[in-house]
């Protein structure tokens, strides 16, 4: 795991901005709901397509939906049902920061992911 030693905000921001894609994937972790936390014995997990999340901060707090898209380069996710209306009336999805969402239901189609979550118990 890559760690940055400095506590200076400017160096923290610089690290996140200049991080390579394989490190940016680690920025896509989100906290688990209380039930999932109890079940798997861990606080957070990486968000993947098909997970159901609840937005906990921002204009769309309380909205719940399935993850439709993940933007690894910007650390954002697109949640089904979270959209803004443009001036012409069309709706466009509003990306949400992964840390501002709480995972309520995990997509366990990937057997390796399921094994890894069970192993952490």
PDB file of N, CA and C in Angstrom:
ATOM      1  N   UNK A   1       0.847  -1.183   0.000  1.00  0.00           N
ATOM      2  CA  UNK A   1       0.000   0.000   0.000  1.00  0.00           C
ATOM      3  C   UNK A   1       0.886   1.237   0.000  1.00  0.00           C
ATOM      4  N   UNK A   2       0.481   2.201  -0.772  1.00  0.00           N
ATOM      5  CA  UNK A   2       1.246   3.434  -0.882  1.00  0.00           C
ATOM      6  C   UNK A   2       0.786   4.395   0.202  1.00  0.00           C
ATOM      7  N   UNK A   3       1.712   4.916   0.952  1.00  0.00           N
ATOM      8  CA  UNK A   3       1.384   5.883   1.993  1.00  0.00           C
ATOM      9  C   UNK A   3       2.203   7.140   1.758  1.00  0.00           C
ATOM     10  N   UNK A   4       1.619   8.257   2.098  1.00  0.00           N
ATOM     11  CA  UNK A   4       2.334   9.521   2.031  1.00  0.00           C
ATOM     12  C   UNK A   4       2.581   9.975   3.456  1.00  0.00           C
ATOM     13  N   UNK A   5       3.801  10.352   3.724  1.00  0.00           N
ATOM     14  CA  UNK A   5       4.192  10.651   5.097  1.00  0.00           C
ATOM     15  C   UNK A   5       3.764  12.045   5.529  1.00  0.00           C
ATOM     16  N   UNK A   6       3.663  12.956   4.600  1.00  0.00           N
ATOM     17  CA  UNK A   6       3.379  14.338   4.951  1.00  0.00           C
ATOM     18  C   UNK A   6       1.939  14.526   5.398  1.00  0.00           C
ATOM     19  N   UNK A   7       1.745  15.447   6.332  1.00  0.00           N
ATOM     20  CA  UNK A   7       0.395  15.793   6.760  1.00  0.00           C
ATOM     21  C   UNK A   7      -0.051  17.120   6.146  1.00  0.00           C
ATOM     22  N   UNK A   8       0.797  17.717   5.324  1.00  0.00           N
ATOM     23  CA  UNK A   8       0.441  18.993   4.708  1.00  0.00           C
ATOM     24  C   UNK A   8      -0.669  18.786   3.677  1.00  0.00           C
ATOM     25  N   UNK A   9      -1.745  19.544   3.770  1.00  0.00           N
ATOM     26  CA  UNK A   9      -2.843  19.374   2.822  1.00  0.00           C
ATOM     27  C   UNK A   9      -2.417  19.508   1.360  1.00  0.00           C
ATOM     28  N   UNK A  10      -1.498  20.418   1.069  1.00  0.00           N
ATOM     29  CA  UNK A  10      -1.108  20.595  -0.331  1.00  0.00           C
ATOM     30  C   UNK A  10      -0.410  19.350  -0.863  1.00  0.00           C
ATOM     31  N   UNK A  11       0.372  18.666  -0.019  1.00  0.00           N
ATOM     32  CA  UNK A  11       1.055  17.449  -0.467  1.00  0.00           C
ATOM     33  C   UNK A  11       0.074  16.279  -0.555  1.00  0.00           C
ATOM     34  N   UNK A  12      -0.929  16.265   0.335  1.00  0.00           N
ATOM     35  CA  UNK A  12      -1.968  15.247   0.248  1.00  0.00           C
ATOM     36  C   UNK A  12      -2.732  15.387  -1.062  1.00  0.00           C
ATOM     37  N   UNK A  13      -3.107  16.635  -1.399  1.00  0.00           N
ATOM     38  CA  UNK A  13      -3.832  16.881  -2.654  1.00  0.00           C
ATOM     39  C   UNK A  13      -2.968  16.540  -3.852  1.00  0.00           C
ATOM     40  N   UNK A  14      -1.705  16.894  -3.805  1.00  0.00           N
ATOM     41  CA  UNK A  14      -0.793  16.606  -4.908  1.00  0.00           C
ATOM     42  C   UNK A  14      -0.652  15.102  -5.115  1.00  0.00           C
ATOM     43  N   UNK A  15      -0.575  14.351  -4.008  1.00  0.00           N
ATOM     44  CA  UNK A  15      -0.472  12.898  -4.104  1.00  0.00           C
ATOM     45  C   UNK A  15      -1.696  12.306  -4.783  1.00  0.00           C
ATOM     46  N   UNK A  16      -2.882  12.755  -4.372  1.00  0.00           N
ATOM     47  CA  UNK A  16      -4.118  12.237  -4.967  1.00  0.00           C
ATOM     48  C   UNK A  16      -4.232  12.626  -6.432  1.00  0.00           C
ATOM     49  N   UNK A  17      -3.828  13.835  -6.763  1.00  0.00           N
ATOM     50  CA  UNK A  17      -3.927  14.318  -8.146  1.00  0.00           C
ATOM     51  C   UNK A  17      -2.970  13.575  -9.064  1.00  0.00           C
ATOM     52  N   UNK A  18      -1.767  13.288  -8.577  1.00  0.00           N
ATOM     53  CA  UNK A  18      -0.733  12.656  -9.406  1.00  0.00           C
ATOM     54  C   UNK A  18      -0.670  11.139  -9.252  1.00  0.00           C
ATOM     55  N   UNK A  19      -1.575  10.552  -8.491  1.00  0.00           N
ATOM     56  CA  UNK A  19      -1.524   9.107  -8.241  1.00  0.00           C
ATOM     57  C   UNK A  19      -1.795   8.326  -9.529  1.00  0.00           C
ATOM     58  N   UNK A  20      -1.083   7.211  -9.738  1.00  0.00           N
ATOM     59  CA  UNK A  20      -1.364   6.365 -10.901  1.00  0.00           C
ATOM     60  C   UNK A  20      -2.700   5.639 -10.731  1.00  0.00           C
ATOM     61  N   UNK A  21      -3.236   5.111 -11.839  1.00  0.00           N
ATOM     62  CA  UNK A  21      -4.569   4.509 -11.811  1.00  0.00           C
ATOM     63  C   UNK A  21      -4.688   3.332 -10.851  1.00  0.00           C
ATOM     64  N   UNK A  22      -3.618   2.526 -10.716  1.00  0.00           N
ATOM     65  CA  UNK A  22      -3.729   1.373  -9.825  1.00  0.00           C
ATOM     66  C   UNK A  22      -3.820   1.812  -8.361  1.00  0.00           C
ATOM     67  N   UNK A  23      -3.343   3.005  -8.040  1.00  0.00           N
ATOM     68  CA  UNK A  23      -3.477   3.534  -6.689  1.00  0.00           C
ATOM     69  C   UNK A  23      -4.822   4.242  -6.541  1.00  0.00           C
ATOM     70  N   UNK A  24      -5.294   4.903  -7.605  1.00  0.00           N
ATOM     71  CA  UNK A  24      -6.578   5.605  -7.552  1.00  0.00           C
ATOM     72  C   UNK A  24      -7.734   4.660  -7.283  1.00  0.00           C
ATOM     73  N   UNK A  25      -7.599   3.413  -7.669  1.00  0.00           N
ATOM     74  CA  UNK A  25      -8.637   2.431  -7.392  1.00  0.00           C
ATOM     75  C   UNK A  25      -8.872   2.272  -5.910  1.00  0.00           C
ATOM     76  N   UNK A  26      -7.867   2.506  -5.103  1.00  0.00           N
ATOM     77  CA  UNK A  26      -7.995   2.389  -3.646  1.00  0.00           C
ATOM     78  C   UNK A  26      -8.771   3.555  -3.051  1.00  0.00           C
ATOM     79  N   UNK A  27      -8.912   4.648  -3.822  1.00  0.00           N
ATOM     80  CA  UNK A  27      -9.694   5.793  -3.338  1.00  0.00           C
ATOM     81  C   UNK A  27     -11.187   5.526  -3.459  1.00  0.00           C
ATOM     82  N   UNK A  28     -11.569   4.401  -4.064  1.00  0.00           N
ATOM     83  CA  UNK A  28     -12.974   4.095  -4.314  1.00  0.00           C
ATOM     84  C   UNK A  28     -13.576   3.210  -3.224  1.00  0.00           C
ATOM     85  N   UNK A  29     -13.012   3.232  -2.044  1.00  0.00           N
ATOM     86  CA  UNK A  29     -13.580   2.503  -0.915  1.00  0.00           C
ATOM     87  C   UNK A  29     -14.699   3.321  -0.293  1.00  0.00           C
ATOM     88  N   UNK A  30     -15.697   2.633   0.221  1.00  0.00           N
ATOM     89  CA  UNK A  30     -16.810   3.298   0.894  1.00  0.00           C
ATOM     90  C   UNK A  30     -17.174   2.502   2.136  1.00  0.00           C
ATOM     91  N   UNK A  31     -17.715   3.176   3.148  1.00  0.00           N
ATOM     92  CA  UNK A  31     -18.095   2.458   4.367  1.00  0.00           C
ATOM     93  C   UNK A  31     -19.251   1.497   4.104  1.00  0.00           C
ATOM     94  N   UNK A  32     -19.280   0.413   4.866  1.00  0.00           N
ATOM     95  CA  UNK A  32     -20.372  -0.549   4.787  1.00  0.00           C
ATOM     96  C   UNK A  32     -21.486  -0.139   5.738  1.00  0.00           C
ATOM     97  N   UNK A  33     -22.711  -0.551   5.443  1.00  0.00           N
ATOM     98  CA  UNK A  33     -23.831  -0.285   6.341  1.00  0.00           C
ATOM     99  C   UNK A  33     -23.632  -1.088   7.633  1.00  0.00           C
ATOM    100  N   UNK A  34     -24.389  -0.766   8.644  1.00  0.00           N
ATOM    101  CA  UNK A  34     -24.236  -1.409   9.955  1.00  0.00           C
ATOM    102  C   UNK A  34     -24.435  -2.922   9.864  1.00  0.00           C
ATOM    103  N   UNK A  35     -25.421  -3.362   9.056  1.00  0.00           N
ATOM    104  CA  UNK A  35     -25.685  -4.799   8.925  1.00  0.00           C
ATOM    105  C   UNK A  35     -24.505  -5.510   8.256  1.00  0.00           C
ATOM    106  N   UNK A  36     -23.987  -4.920   7.182  1.00  0.00           N
ATOM    107  CA  UNK A  36     -22.857  -5.530   6.473  1.00  0.00           C
ATOM    108  C   UNK A  36     -21.595  -5.494   7.326  1.00  0.00           C
ATOM    109  N   UNK A  37     -21.440  -4.436   8.100  1.00  0.00           N
ATOM    110  CA  UNK A  37     -20.282  -4.320   8.992  1.00  0.00           C
ATOM    111  C   UNK A  37     -20.295  -5.451  10.014  1.00  0.00           C
ATOM    112  N   UNK A  38     -21.481  -5.715  10.535  1.00  0.00           N
ATOM    113  CA  UNK A  38     -21.641  -6.798  11.519  1.00  0.00           C
ATOM    114  C   UNK A  38     -21.386  -8.155  10.867  1.00  0.00           C
ATOM    115  N   UNK A  39     -21.882  -8.325   9.645  1.00  0.00           N
ATOM    116  CA  UNK A  39     -21.789  -9.614   8.959  1.00  0.00           C
ATOM    117  C   UNK A  39     -20.359  -9.952   8.547  1.00  0.00           C
ATOM    118  N   UNK A  40     -19.635  -8.966   8.014  1.00  0.00           N
ATOM    119  CA  UNK A  40     -18.295  -9.236   7.466  1.00  0.00           C
ATOM    120  C   UNK A  40     -17.153  -8.806   8.379  1.00  0.00           C
ATOM    121  N   UNK A  41     -17.446  -8.082   9.442  1.00  0.00           N
ATOM    122  CA  UNK A  41     -16.415  -7.710  10.387  1.00  0.00           C
ATOM    123  C   UNK A  41     -15.401  -6.728   9.857  1.00  0.00           C
ATOM    124  N   UNK A  42     -15.829  -5.857   8.964  1.00  0.00           N
ATOM    125  CA  UNK A  42     -14.944  -4.804   8.441  1.00  0.00           C
ATOM    126  C   UNK A  42     -15.748  -3.550   8.184  1.00  0.00           C
ATOM    127  N   UNK A  43     -15.057  -2.420   8.153  1.00  0.00           N
ATOM    128  CA  UNK A  43     -15.736  -1.121   8.054  1.00  0.00           C
ATOM    129  C   UNK A  43     -16.042  -0.697   6.628  1.00  0.00           C
ATOM    130  N   UNK A  44     -15.162  -1.044   5.686  1.00  0.00           N
ATOM    131  CA  UNK A  44     -15.340  -0.528   4.330  1.00  0.00           C
ATOM    132  C   UNK A  44     -14.974  -1.575   3.291  1.00  0.00           C
ATOM    133  N   UNK A  45     -15.365  -1.298   2.057  1.00  0.00           N
ATOM    134  CA  UNK A  45     -15.057  -2.189   0.941  1.00  0.00           C
ATOM    135  C   UNK A  45     -14.972  -1.346  -0.324  1.00  0.00           C
ATOM    136  N   UNK A  46     -14.348  -1.907  -1.326  1.00  0.00           N
ATOM    137  CA  UNK A  46     -14.215  -1.243  -2.620  1.00  0.00           C
ATOM    138  C   UNK A  46     -15.564  -1.301  -3.332  1.00  0.00           C
ATOM    139  N   UNK A  47     -15.994  -0.184  -3.888  1.00  0.00           N
ATOM    140  CA  UNK A  47     -17.255  -0.146  -4.631  1.00  0.00           C
ATOM    141  C   UNK A  47     -17.024  -0.737  -6.014  1.00  0.00           C
ATOM    142  N   UNK A  48     -17.941  -1.617  -6.453  1.00  0.00           N
ATOM    143  CA  UNK A  48     -17.890  -2.147  -7.810  1.00  0.00           C
ATOM    144  C   UNK A  48     -19.267  -1.969  -8.456  1.00  0.00           C
ATOM    145  N   UNK A  49     -19.326  -2.171  -9.769  1.00  0.00           N
ATOM    146  CA  UNK A  49     -20.592  -2.074 -10.478  1.00  0.00           C
ATOM    147  C   UNK A  49     -21.585  -3.072  -9.910  1.00  0.00           C
ATOM    148  N   UNK A  50     -22.817  -2.646  -9.734  1.00  0.00           N
ATOM    149  CA  UNK A  50     -23.850  -3.541  -9.241  1.00  0.00           C
ATOM    150  C   UNK A  50     -24.076  -3.453  -7.742  1.00  0.00           C
ATOM    151  N   UNK A  51     -23.168  -2.828  -6.996  1.00  0.00           N
ATOM    152  CA  UNK A  51     -23.398  -2.620  -5.566  1.00  0.00           C
ATOM    153  C   UNK A  51     -24.559  -1.636  -5.394  1.00  0.00           C
ATOM    154  N   UNK A  52     -25.319  -1.797  -4.333  1.00  0.00           N
ATOM    155  CA  UNK A  52     -26.359  -0.831  -3.997  1.00  0.00           C
ATOM    156  C   UNK A  52     -25.806   0.081  -2.913  1.00  0.00           C
ATOM    157  N   UNK A  53     -25.884   1.385  -3.148  1.00  0.00           N
ATOM    158  CA  UNK A  53     -25.326   2.357  -2.205  1.00  0.00           C
ATOM    159  C   UNK A  53     -26.376   3.393  -1.829  1.00  0.00           C
ATOM    160  N   UNK A  54     -26.166   4.005  -0.669  1.00  0.00           N
ATOM    161  CA  UNK A  54     -26.996   5.120  -0.218  1.00  0.00           C
ATOM    162  C   UNK A  54     -26.084   6.339  -0.121  1.00  0.00           C
ATOM    163  N   UNK A  55     -26.476   7.427  -0.737  1.00  0.00           N
ATOM    164  CA  UNK A  55     -25.696   8.669  -0.674  1.00  0.00           C
ATOM    165  C   UNK A  55     -25.923   9.275   0.705  1.00  0.00           C
ATOM    166  N   UNK A  56     -24.840   9.607   1.410  1.00  0.00           N
ATOM    167  CA  UNK A  56     -24.973  10.094   2.788  1.00  0.00           C
ATOM    168  C   UNK A  56     -24.631  11.574   2.942  1.00  0.00           C
ATOM    169  N   UNK A  57     -24.037  12.177   1.904  1.00  0.00           N
ATOM    170  CA  UNK A  57     -23.689  13.598   1.992  1.00  0.00           C
ATOM    171  C   UNK A  57     -24.030  14.288   0.693  1.00  0.00           C
ATOM    172  N   UNK A  58     -24.240  15.582   0.774  1.00  0.00           N
ATOM    173  CA  UNK A  58     -24.484  16.371  -0.427  1.00  0.00           C
ATOM    174  C   UNK A  58     -25.963  16.575  -0.710  1.00  0.00           C
ATOM    175  N   UNK A  59     -26.248  17.090  -1.902  1.00  0.00           N
ATOM    176  CA  UNK A  59     -27.621  17.417  -2.288  1.00  0.00           C
ATOM    177  C   UNK A  59     -28.512  16.194  -2.386  1.00  0.00           C
ATOM    178  N   UNK A  60     -27.933  15.040  -2.638  1.00  0.00           N
ATOM    179  CA  UNK A  60     -28.712  13.823  -2.843  1.00  0.00           C
ATOM    180  C   UNK A  60     -28.651  12.884  -1.645  1.00  0.00           C
ATOM    181  N   UNK A  61     -28.360  13.402  -0.476  1.00  0.00           N
ATOM    182  CA  UNK A  61     -28.272  12.572   0.726  1.00  0.00           C
ATOM    183  C   UNK A  61     -29.585  11.845   0.954  1.00  0.00           C
ATOM    184  N   UNK A  62     -29.479  10.541   1.214  1.00  0.00           N
ATOM    185  CA  UNK A  62     -30.652   9.725   1.446  1.00  0.00           C
ATOM    186  C   UNK A  62     -31.089   8.932   0.224  1.00  0.00           C
ATOM    187  N   UNK A  63     -30.647   9.337  -0.960  1.00  0.00           N
ATOM    188  CA  UNK A  63     -30.998   8.609  -2.184  1.00  0.00           C
ATOM    189  C   UNK A  63     -30.272   7.267  -2.190  1.00  0.00           C
ATOM    190  N   UNK A  64     -30.961   6.231  -2.648  1.00  0.00           N
ATOM    191  CA  UNK A  64     -30.364   4.901  -2.714  1.00  0.00           C
ATOM    192  C   UNK A  64     -30.525   4.364  -4.127  1.00  0.00           C
ATOM    193  N   UNK A  65     -29.491   3.695  -4.624  1.00  0.00           N
ATOM    194  CA  UNK A  65     -29.564   3.132  -5.963  1.00  0.00           C
ATOM    195  C   UNK A  65     -28.378   2.243  -6.261  1.00  0.00           C
ATOM    196  N   UNK A  66     -28.419   1.631  -7.428  1.00  0.00           N
ATOM    197  CA  UNK A  66     -27.354   0.721  -7.872  1.00  0.00           C
ATOM    198  C   UNK A  66     -26.270   1.542  -8.562  1.00  0.00           C
ATOM    199  N   UNK A  67     -25.025   1.138  -8.391  1.00  0.00           N
ATOM    200  CA  UNK A  67     -23.904   1.823  -9.039  1.00  0.00           C
ATOM    201  C   UNK A  67     -23.915   1.473 -10.523  1.00  0.00           C
ATOM    202  N   UNK A  68     -24.076   2.489 -11.370  1.00  0.00           N
ATOM    203  CA  UNK A  68     -24.140   2.302 -12.817  1.00  0.00           C
ATOM    204  C   UNK A  68     -22.776   2.442 -13.482  1.00  0.00           C
ATOM    205  N   UNK A  69     -21.925   3.307 -12.931  1.00  0.00           N
ATOM    206  CA  UNK A  69     -20.634   3.569 -13.553  1.00  0.00           C
ATOM    207  C   UNK A  69     -19.630   3.979 -12.483  1.00  0.00           C
ATOM    208  N   UNK A  70     -18.370   3.664 -12.736  1.00  0.00           N
ATOM    209  CA  UNK A  70     -17.301   4.055 -11.826  1.00  0.00           C
ATOM    210  C   UNK A  70     -16.254   4.810 -12.623  1.00  0.00           C
ATOM    211  N   UNK A  71     -15.900   5.996 -12.152  1.00  0.00           N
ATOM    212  CA  UNK A  71     -14.867   6.812 -12.793  1.00  0.00           C
ATOM    213  C   UNK A  71     -13.619   6.735 -11.924  1.00  0.00           C
ATOM    214  N   UNK A  72     -12.732   5.826 -12.273  1.00  0.00           N
ATOM    215  CA  UNK A  72     -11.532   5.603 -11.463  1.00  0.00           C
ATOM    216  C   UNK A  72     -10.617   6.815 -11.463  1.00  0.00           C
ATOM    217  N   UNK A  73     -10.522   7.505 -12.597  1.00  0.00           N
ATOM    218  CA  UNK A  73      -9.576   8.620 -12.693  1.00  0.00           C
ATOM    219  C   UNK A  73      -9.979   9.787 -11.794  1.00  0.00           C
ATOM    220  N   UNK A  74     -11.284   9.979 -11.564  1.00  0.00           N
ATOM    221  CA  UNK A  74     -11.739  11.080 -10.717  1.00  0.00           C
ATOM    222  C   UNK A  74     -12.246  10.630  -9.353  1.00  0.00           C
ATOM    223  N   UNK A  75     -12.306   9.313  -9.109  1.00  0.00           N
ATOM    224  CA  UNK A  75     -12.755   8.804  -7.821  1.00  0.00           C
ATOM    225  C   UNK A  75     -14.236   9.005  -7.583  1.00  0.00           C
ATOM    226  N   UNK A  76     -15.029   8.991  -8.646  1.00  0.00           N
ATOM    227  CA  UNK A  76     -16.457   9.228  -8.535  1.00  0.00           C
ATOM    228  C   UNK A  76     -17.250   8.017  -9.008  1.00  0.00           C
ATOM    229  N   UNK A  77     -18.482   7.925  -8.528  1.00  0.00           N
ATOM    230  CA  UNK A  77     -19.386   6.860  -8.963  1.00  0.00           C
ATOM    231  C   UNK A  77     -20.687   7.495  -9.444  1.00  0.00           C
ATOM    232  N   UNK A  78     -21.367   6.801 -10.355  1.00  0.00           N
ATOM    233  CA  UNK A  78     -22.674   7.251 -10.822  1.00  0.00           C
ATOM    234  C   UNK A  78     -23.705   6.286 -10.260  1.00  0.00           C
ATOM    235  N   UNK A  79     -24.646   6.828  -9.490  1.00  0.00           N
ATOM    236  CA  UNK A  79     -25.680   6.030  -8.837  1.00  0.00           C
ATOM    237  C   UNK A  79     -26.984   6.196  -9.608  1.00  0.00           C
ATOM    238  N   UNK A  80     -27.650   5.068  -9.862  1.00  0.00           N
ATOM    239  CA  UNK A  80     -28.921   5.104 -10.583  1.00  0.00           C
ATOM    240  C   UNK A  80     -29.937   5.917  -9.797  1.00  0.00           C
ATOM    241  N   UNK A  81     -30.536   6.922 -10.441  1.00  0.00           N
ATOM    242  CA  UNK A  81     -31.524   7.761  -9.779  1.00  0.00           C
ATOM    243  C   UNK A  81     -30.976   9.077  -9.272  1.00  0.00           C
ATOM    244  N   UNK A  82     -29.658   9.241  -9.265  1.00  0.00           N
ATOM    245  CA  UNK A  82     -29.060  10.501  -8.840  1.00  0.00           C
ATOM    246  C   UNK A  82     -28.712  11.282 -10.100  1.00  0.00           C
ATOM    247  N   UNK A  83     -29.554  12.284 -10.414  1.00  0.00           N
ATOM    248  CA  UNK A  83     -29.370  13.047 -11.640  1.00  0.00           C
ATOM    249  C   UNK A  83     -29.797  14.488 -11.428  1.00  0.00           C
ATOM    250  N   UNK A  84     -29.256  15.379 -12.242  1.00  0.00           N
ATOM    251  CA  UNK A  84     -29.650  16.784 -12.218  1.00  0.00           C
ATOM    252  C   UNK A  84     -30.328  17.105 -13.544  1.00  0.00           C
ATOM    253  N   UNK A  85     -31.189  18.111 -13.520  1.00  0.00           N
ATOM    254  CA  UNK A  85     -31.913  18.517 -14.718  1.00  0.00           C
ATOM    255  C   UNK A  85     -31.209  19.716 -15.335  1.00  0.00           C
ATOM    256  N   UNK A  86     -30.923  19.604 -16.622  1.00  0.00           N
ATOM    257  CA  UNK A  86     -30.300  20.717 -17.336  1.00  0.00           C
ATOM    258  C   UNK A  86     -31.350  21.773 -17.668  1.00  0.00           C
ATOM    259  N   UNK A  87     -30.887  22.901 -18.156  1.00  0.00           N
ATOM    260  CA  UNK A  87     -31.793  23.998 -18.501  1.00  0.00           C
ATOM    261  C   UNK A  87     -32.764  23.595 -19.601  1.00  0.00           C
ATOM    262  N   UNK A  88     -32.343  22.689 -20.495  1.00  0.00           N
ATOM    263  CA  UNK A  88     -33.232  22.270 -21.582  1.00  0.00           C
ATOM    264  C   UNK A  88     -34.177  21.146 -21.163  1.00  0.00           C
ATOM    265  N   UNK A  89     -34.122  20.704 -19.904  1.00  0.00           N
ATOM    266  CA  UNK A  89     -35.037  19.701 -19.397  1.00  0.00           C
ATOM    267  C   UNK A  89     -34.500  18.288 -19.384  1.00  0.00           C
ATOM    268  N   UNK A  90     -33.347  18.046 -19.996  1.00  0.00           N
ATOM    269  CA  UNK A  90     -32.787  16.693 -19.998  1.00  0.00           C
ATOM    270  C   UNK A  90     -32.135  16.404 -18.657  1.00  0.00           C
ATOM    271  N   UNK A  91     -32.179  15.141 -18.271  1.00  0.00           N
ATOM    272  CA  UNK A  91     -31.543  14.738 -17.013  1.00  0.00           C
ATOM    273  C   UNK A  91     -30.206  14.096 -17.299  1.00  0.00           C
ATOM    274  N   UNK A  92     -29.197  14.491 -16.545  1.00  0.00           N
ATOM    275  CA  UNK A  92     -27.869  13.902 -16.678  1.00  0.00           C
ATOM    276  C   UNK A  92     -27.440  13.355 -15.324  1.00  0.00           C
ATOM    277  N   UNK A  93     -26.742  12.209 -15.315  1.00  0.00           N
ATOM    278  CA  UNK A  93     -26.305  11.643 -14.031  1.00  0.00           C
ATOM    279  C   UNK A  93     -25.330  12.574 -13.320  1.00  0.00           C
ATOM    280  N   UNK A  94     -25.447  12.609 -12.012  1.00  0.00           N
ATOM    281  CA  UNK A  94     -24.573  13.448 -11.190  1.00  0.00           C
ATOM    282  C   UNK A  94     -23.579  12.544 -10.484  1.00  0.00           C
ATOM    283  N   UNK A  95     -22.286  12.610 -10.847  1.00  0.00           N
ATOM    284  CA  UNK A  95     -21.286  11.776 -10.164  1.00  0.00           C
ATOM    285  C   UNK A  95     -21.178  12.142  -8.686  1.00  0.00           C
ATOM    286  N   UNK A  96     -20.965  11.129  -7.857  1.00  0.00           N
ATOM    287  CA  UNK A  96     -20.855  11.291  -6.413  1.00  0.00           C
ATOM    288  C   UNK A  96     -19.504  10.754  -5.978  1.00  0.00           C
ATOM    289  N   UNK A  97     -18.856  11.438  -5.050  1.00  0.00           N
ATOM    290  CA  UNK A  97     -17.594  10.940  -4.523  1.00  0.00           C
ATOM    291  C   UNK A  97     -17.848   9.625  -3.792  1.00  0.00           C
ATOM    292  N   UNK A  98     -16.981   8.644  -4.005  1.00  0.00           N
ATOM    293  CA  UNK A  98     -17.175   7.318  -3.428  1.00  0.00           C
ATOM    294  C   UNK A  98     -17.241   7.360  -1.900  1.00  0.00           C
ATOM    295  N   UNK A  99     -16.510   8.263  -1.285  1.00  0.00           N
ATOM    296  CA  UNK A  99     -16.506   8.320   0.176  1.00  0.00           C
ATOM    297  C   UNK A  99     -17.800   8.899   0.729  1.00  0.00           C
ATOM    298  N   UNK A 100     -18.624   9.517  -0.128  1.00  0.00           N
ATOM    299  CA  UNK A 100     -19.898  10.095   0.309  1.00  0.00           C
ATOM    300  C   UNK A 100     -21.057   9.129   0.128  1.00  0.00           C
ATOM    301  N   UNK A 101     -20.744   7.856  -0.081  1.00  0.00           N
ATOM    302  CA  UNK A 101     -21.773   6.834  -0.237  1.00  0.00           C
ATOM    303  C   UNK A 101     -21.527   5.730   0.784  1.00  0.00           C
ATOM    304  N   UNK A 102     -22.596   5.046   1.153  1.00  0.00           N
ATOM    305  CA  UNK A 102     -22.517   3.930   2.097  1.00  0.00           C
ATOM    306  C   UNK A 102     -23.058   2.692   1.396  1.00  0.00           C
ATOM    307  N   UNK A 103     -22.295   1.620   1.375  1.00  0.00           N
ATOM    308  CA  UNK A 103     -22.711   0.400   0.687  1.00  0.00           C
ATOM    309  C   UNK A 103     -23.775  -0.306   1.531  1.00  0.00           C
ATOM    310  N   UNK A 104     -24.956  -0.542   0.926  1.00  0.00           N
ATOM    311  CA  UNK A 104     -26.036  -1.213   1.635  1.00  0.00           C
ATOM    312  C   UNK A 104     -26.235  -2.645   1.167  1.00  0.00           C
ATOM    313  N   UNK A 105     -25.819  -2.947  -0.072  1.00  0.00           N
ATOM    314  CA  UNK A 105     -25.947  -4.308  -0.588  1.00  0.00           C
ATOM    315  C   UNK A 105     -24.779  -4.564  -1.522  1.00  0.00           C
ATOM    316  N   UNK A 106     -24.071  -5.662  -1.274  1.00  0.00           N
ATOM    317  CA  UNK A 106     -22.888  -5.986  -2.064  1.00  0.00           C
ATOM    318  C   UNK A 106     -23.250  -6.845  -3.270  1.00  0.00           C
ATOM    319  N   UNK A 107     -22.564  -6.600  -4.372  1.00  0.00           N
ATOM    320  CA  UNK A 107     -22.675  -7.437  -5.563  1.00  0.00           C
ATOM    321  C   UNK A 107     -21.675  -8.571  -5.401  1.00  0.00           C
ATOM    322  N   UNK A 108     -22.153  -9.784  -5.149  1.00  0.00           N
ATOM    323  CA  UNK A 108     -21.267 -10.915  -4.887  1.00  0.00           C
ATOM    324  C   UNK A 108     -21.207 -11.886  -6.062  1.00  0.00           C
ATOM    325  N   UNK A 109     -21.401 -11.380  -7.301  1.00  0.00           N
ATOM    326  CA  UNK A 109     -21.274 -12.225  -8.488  1.00  0.00           C
ATOM    327  C   UNK A 109     -19.839 -12.702  -8.685  1.00  0.00           C
ATOM    328  N   UNK A 110     -18.894 -11.923  -8.203  1.00  0.00           N
ATOM    329  CA  UNK A 110     -17.476 -12.285  -8.291  1.00  0.00           C
ATOM    330  C   UNK A 110     -17.134 -13.180  -7.099  1.00  0.00           C
ATOM    331  N   UNK A 111     -16.802 -14.442  -7.389  1.00  0.00           N
ATOM    332  CA  UNK A 111     -16.535 -15.389  -6.306  1.00  0.00           C
ATOM    333  C   UNK A 111     -15.299 -15.004  -5.505  1.00  0.00           C
ATOM    334  N   UNK A 112     -14.304 -14.405  -6.175  1.00  0.00           N
ATOM    335  CA  UNK A 112     -13.091 -13.984  -5.457  1.00  0.00           C
ATOM    336  C   UNK A 112     -13.398 -12.892  -4.436  1.00  0.00           C
ATOM    337  N   UNK A 113     -14.310 -11.983  -4.804  1.00  0.00           N
ATOM    338  CA  UNK A 113     -14.682 -10.923  -3.870  1.00  0.00           C
ATOM    339  C   UNK A 113     -15.403 -11.510  -2.664  1.00  0.00           C
ATOM    340  N   UNK A 114     -16.300 -12.449  -2.919  1.00  0.00           N
ATOM    341  CA  UNK A 114     -17.041 -13.092  -1.830  1.00  0.00           C
ATOM    342  C   UNK A 114     -16.089 -13.832  -0.895  1.00  0.00           C
ATOM    343  N   UNK A 115     -15.124 -14.557  -1.460  1.00  0.00           N
ATOM    344  CA  UNK A 115     -14.148 -15.291  -0.644  1.00  0.00           C
ATOM    345  C   UNK A 115     -13.329 -14.336   0.206  1.00  0.00           C
ATOM    346  N   UNK A 116     -12.917 -13.217  -0.392  1.00  0.00           N
ATOM    347  CA  UNK A 116     -12.083 -12.256   0.316  1.00  0.00           C
ATOM    348  C   UNK A 116     -12.852 -11.630   1.477  1.00  0.00           C
ATOM    349  N   UNK A 117     -14.122 -11.318   1.260  1.00  0.00           N
ATOM    350  CA  UNK A 117     -14.929 -10.742   2.334  1.00  0.00           C
ATOM    351  C   UNK A 117     -15.152 -11.752   3.453  1.00  0.00           C
ATOM    352  N   UNK A 118     -15.379 -13.013   3.111  1.00  0.00           N
ATOM    353  CA  UNK A 118     -15.584 -14.055   4.109  1.00  0.00           C
ATOM    354  C   UNK A 118     -14.296 -14.333   4.889  1.00  0.00           C
ATOM    355  N   UNK A 119     -13.151 -14.239   4.211  1.00  0.00           N
ATOM    356  CA  UNK A 119     -11.875 -14.529   4.864  1.00  0.00           C
ATOM    357  C   UNK A 119     -11.537 -13.510   5.941  1.00  0.00           C
ATOM    358  N   UNK A 120     -12.071 -12.301   5.818  1.00  0.00           N
ATOM    359  CA  UNK A 120     -11.754 -11.246   6.769  1.00  0.00           C
ATOM    360  C   UNK A 120     -12.492 -11.405   8.095  1.00  0.00           C
ATOM    361  N   UNK A 121     -13.478 -12.323   8.148  1.00  0.00           N
ATOM    362  CA  UNK A 121     -14.271 -12.484   9.368  1.00  0.00           C
ATOM    363  C   UNK A 121     -13.415 -12.814  10.565  1.00  0.00           C
TER     364      UNK A 121
END
